[in-house]
Amino acid sequence: MPPLGGDLGQSARAAAAAALDSGAAGDYEGTHPDEDVDELANLLMSWYYAGYYTGQYSKRGDADEEQESEAYHAAY
């Protein structure tokens, strides 16, 4: 995770290049095209943002349920 204010895209690209270099994403024998790095970085970014917005939605749902519960108990 990059520091606050850091470039998340640059961090994802560095992580993708490291994964390709380590062989974790296939056997490239130390060389890989830049297109592969960009594609893997895009996948990592979409995974990151999907998790982020899922968490935001989940927190919003919890707050809505809490407000409804408080309104119900206040009325009865």
C-alpha atoms as a PDB file:
ATOM      1  CA  MET A   1       0.000   0.000   0.000  1.00  0.00           C
ATOM      2  CA  PRO A   2       1.479   3.353  -0.968  1.00  0.00           C
ATOM      3  CA  PRO A   3       1.723   6.157   1.566  1.00  0.00           C
ATOM      4  CA  LEU A   4      -1.143   8.632   1.746  1.00  0.00           C
ATOM      5  CA  GLY A   5      -0.914  10.970  -1.184  1.00  0.00           C
ATOM      6  CA  GLY A   6       1.188   8.419  -3.063  1.00  0.00           C
ATOM      7  CA  ASP A   7       0.565   7.273  -6.590  1.00  0.00           C
ATOM      8  CA  LEU A   8      -1.515   4.111  -6.317  1.00  0.00           C
ATOM      9  CA  GLY A   9      -1.169   3.374 -10.033  1.00  0.00           C
ATOM     10  CA  GLN A  10       2.615   3.489  -9.817  1.00  0.00           C
ATOM     11  CA  SER A  11       2.507   1.201  -6.791  1.00  0.00           C
ATOM     12  CA  ALA A  12       0.253  -1.281  -8.612  1.00  0.00           C
ATOM     13  CA  ARG A  13       2.574  -1.272 -11.619  1.00  0.00           C
ATOM     14  CA  ALA A  14       5.585  -1.939  -9.368  1.00  0.00           C
ATOM     15  CA  ALA A  15       3.715  -4.799  -7.643  1.00  0.00           C
ATOM     16  CA  ALA A  16       2.735  -6.266 -11.014  1.00  0.00           C
ATOM     17  CA  ALA A  17       6.323  -6.101 -12.284  1.00  0.00           C
ATOM     18  CA  ALA A  18       7.563  -7.762  -9.081  1.00  0.00           C
ATOM     19  CA  ALA A  19       4.976 -10.551  -9.404  1.00  0.00           C
ATOM     20  CA  LEU A  20       5.991 -11.178 -13.003  1.00  0.00           C
ATOM     21  CA  ASP A  21       9.691 -11.101 -12.110  1.00  0.00           C
ATOM     22  CA  SER A  22       9.201 -13.606  -9.293  1.00  0.00           C
ATOM     23  CA  GLY A  23       7.368 -16.047 -11.542  1.00  0.00           C
ATOM     24  CA  ALA A  24       4.190 -15.813  -9.466  1.00  0.00           C
ATOM     25  CA  ALA A  25       2.172 -14.893 -12.565  1.00  0.00           C
ATOM     26  CA  GLY A  26       3.732 -17.311 -15.036  1.00  0.00           C
ATOM     27  CA  ASP A  27       7.127 -18.312 -16.375  1.00  0.00           C
ATOM     28  CA  TYR A  28       8.721 -15.319 -18.099  1.00  0.00           C
ATOM     29  CA  GLU A  29      12.346 -16.214 -17.329  1.00  0.00           C
ATOM     30  CA  GLY A  30      13.001 -12.681 -16.088  1.00  0.00           C
ATOM     31  CA  THR A  31      11.639 -10.870 -19.137  1.00  0.00           C
ATOM     32  CA  HIS A  32       8.116  -9.688 -19.700  1.00  0.00           C
ATOM     33  CA  PRO A  33       6.451  -7.242 -22.072  1.00  0.00           C
ATOM     34  CA  ASP A  34       5.279  -3.918 -20.665  1.00  0.00           C
ATOM     35  CA  GLU A  35       1.758  -4.768 -21.861  1.00  0.00           C
ATOM     36  CA  ASP A  36       1.687  -7.689 -19.412  1.00  0.00           C
ATOM     37  CA  VAL A  37       2.773  -5.434 -16.563  1.00  0.00           C
ATOM     38  CA  ASP A  38       0.058  -2.913 -17.450  1.00  0.00           C
ATOM     39  CA  GLU A  39      -2.633  -5.604 -17.710  1.00  0.00           C
ATOM     40  CA  LEU A  40      -1.712  -7.121 -14.352  1.00  0.00           C
ATOM     41  CA  ALA A  41      -1.519  -3.648 -12.751  1.00  0.00           C
ATOM     42  CA  ASN A  42      -5.028  -2.891 -14.062  1.00  0.00           C
ATOM     43  CA  LEU A  43      -6.286  -6.166 -12.599  1.00  0.00           C
ATOM     44  CA  LEU A  44      -4.703  -5.369  -9.222  1.00  0.00           C
ATOM     45  CA  MET A  45      -6.226  -1.874  -9.240  1.00  0.00           C
ATOM     46  CA  SER A  46      -9.703  -3.192 -10.075  1.00  0.00           C
ATOM     47  CA  TRP A  47      -9.414  -5.780  -7.291  1.00  0.00           C
ATOM     48  CA  TYR A  48      -8.308  -3.084  -4.827  1.00  0.00           C
ATOM     49  CA  TYR A  49     -11.134  -0.707  -5.734  1.00  0.00           C
ATOM     50  CA  ALA A  50     -13.766  -3.472  -5.741  1.00  0.00           C
ATOM     51  CA  GLY A  51     -12.784  -4.314  -2.171  1.00  0.00           C
ATOM     52  CA  TYR A  52     -12.683  -0.666  -1.141  1.00  0.00           C
ATOM     53  CA  TYR A  53     -16.153   0.131  -2.469  1.00  0.00           C
ATOM     54  CA  THR A  54     -17.588  -3.126  -1.121  1.00  0.00           C
ATOM     55  CA  GLY A  55     -16.396  -2.043   2.322  1.00  0.00           C
ATOM     56  CA  GLN A  56     -17.845   1.442   1.874  1.00  0.00           C
ATOM     57  CA  TYR A  57     -21.197   0.000   0.823  1.00  0.00           C
ATOM     58  CA  SER A  58     -21.156  -2.435   3.731  1.00  0.00           C
ATOM     59  CA  LYS A  59     -20.498   0.358   6.242  1.00  0.00           C
ATOM     60  CA  ARG A  60     -23.324   2.410   4.745  1.00  0.00           C
ATOM     61  CA  GLY A  61     -25.714  -0.535   5.063  1.00  0.00           C
ATOM     62  CA  ASP A  62     -24.751  -1.031   8.702  1.00  0.00           C
ATOM     63  CA  ALA A  63     -25.416   2.639   9.458  1.00  0.00           C
ATOM     64  CA  ASP A  64     -28.836   2.491   7.758  1.00  0.00           C
ATOM     65  CA  GLU A  65     -29.819  -0.579   9.791  1.00  0.00           C
ATOM     66  CA  GLU A  66     -28.668   1.099  13.000  1.00  0.00           C
ATOM     67  CA  GLN A  67     -30.761   4.224  12.291  1.00  0.00           C
ATOM     68  CA  GLU A  68     -33.844   2.118  11.522  1.00  0.00           C
ATOM     69  CA  SER A  69     -33.366   0.169  14.766  1.00  0.00           C
ATOM     70  CA  GLU A  70     -33.007   3.367  16.802  1.00  0.00           C
ATOM     71  CA  ALA A  71     -36.132   4.856  15.172  1.00  0.00           C
ATOM     72  CA  TYR A  72     -38.109   1.684  15.885  1.00  0.00           C
ATOM     73  CA  HIS A  73     -37.077   1.580  19.549  1.00  0.00           C
ATOM     74  CA  ALA A  74     -37.777   5.301  19.994  1.00  0.00           C
ATOM     75  CA  ALA A  75     -41.288   4.856  18.608  1.00  0.00           C
ATOM     76  CA  TYR A  76     -42.148   1.917  20.854  1.00  0.00           C
END
